[in-house]
Protein backbone atom coordinates (compact mmCIF):
# COMPACT_ATOMS: atom_id res chain seq x y z
CA UNK A 1 15.49 79.45 -68.32
CA UNK A 2 16.06 75.31 -67.55
CA UNK A 3 13.00 74.20 -66.37
CA UNK A 4 13.51 73.48 -62.28
CA UNK A 5 13.59 69.77 -60.93
CA UNK A 6 10.59 69.53 -57.83
CA UNK A 7 11.90 67.16 -55.52
CA UNK A 8 9.05 64.78 -55.76
CA UNK A 9 8.99 62.96 -52.40
CA UNK A 10 8.44 66.69 -50.66
CA UNK A 11 5.63 67.14 -53.15
CA UNK A 12 4.24 63.75 -51.69
CA UNK A 13 4.35 65.01 -48.73
CA UNK A 14 2.81 68.61 -48.25
CA UNK A 15 0.22 69.79 -49.47
CA UNK A 16 -0.54 73.85 -49.82
CA UNK A 17 -3.78 75.85 -48.74
CA UNK A 18 -5.61 78.63 -50.31
CA UNK A 19 -4.04 80.94 -47.83
CA UNK A 20 -0.53 79.38 -49.03
CA UNK A 21 0.29 77.87 -46.02
CA UNK A 22 1.89 74.09 -46.10
CA UNK A 23 0.24 71.27 -44.42
CA UNK A 24 2.21 68.45 -43.37
CA UNK A 25 1.05 64.70 -41.72
CA UNK A 26 2.59 63.95 -38.49
CA UNK A 27 5.44 61.59 -37.50
CA UNK A 28 4.98 58.46 -35.28
CA UNK A 29 2.07 57.03 -36.36
CA UNK A 30 3.26 54.10 -38.66
CA UNK A 31 4.25 51.49 -35.86
CA UNK A 32 4.89 50.60 -32.51
CA UNK A 33 1.58 52.06 -31.73
CA UNK A 34 0.61 49.40 -28.89
CA UNK A 35 2.73 51.69 -26.54
CA UNK A 36 0.89 54.43 -27.33
CA UNK A 37 -1.85 56.18 -25.31
CA UNK A 38 -4.99 56.83 -27.99
CA UNK A 39 -4.76 60.18 -26.83
CA UNK A 40 -1.39 60.52 -28.36
CA UNK A 41 -2.09 58.70 -31.19
CA UNK A 42 -5.13 60.94 -32.09
CA UNK A 43 -2.92 63.88 -31.65
CA UNK A 44 -0.47 62.15 -34.33
CA UNK A 45 -2.96 61.73 -37.01
CA UNK A 46 -4.13 65.17 -37.18
CA UNK A 47 -2.94 67.56 -40.00
CA UNK A 48 -0.20 70.54 -39.00
CA UNK A 49 1.11 73.32 -40.68
CA UNK A 50 4.48 74.17 -41.25
CA UNK A 51 6.85 76.23 -39.10
CA UNK A 52 8.00 79.25 -40.76
CA UNK A 53 11.57 78.71 -40.16
CA UNK A 54 11.24 75.78 -42.46
CA UNK A 55 9.13 77.15 -44.79
CA UNK A 56 12.07 78.36 -47.38
CA UNK A 57 13.89 75.06 -47.16
CA UNK A 58 10.37 73.92 -49.03
CA UNK A 59 9.76 76.59 -51.26
CA UNK A 60 13.27 76.02 -52.71
CA UNK A 61 12.70 72.35 -53.57
CA UNK A 62 9.62 73.04 -54.70
CA UNK A 63 9.48 75.79 -57.31
CA UNK A 64 6.38 75.29 -58.91
CA UNK A 65 4.43 75.21 -56.39
CA UNK A 66 2.32 78.22 -56.48
């Protein structure tokens, strides 16, 4: 069987925990930060876990993740 290609952009954006959950950074923290409150920016800088409904789409793009 031939090798499957990994989607490199997805591979750079997500990380796997020891319990096989996917972590991602939150969006909207790169620019236009002046009008966002400090509380909102602090919340956006935290890492979050991928929702289970999106999980299957990412796993198909990352065949050698586990």
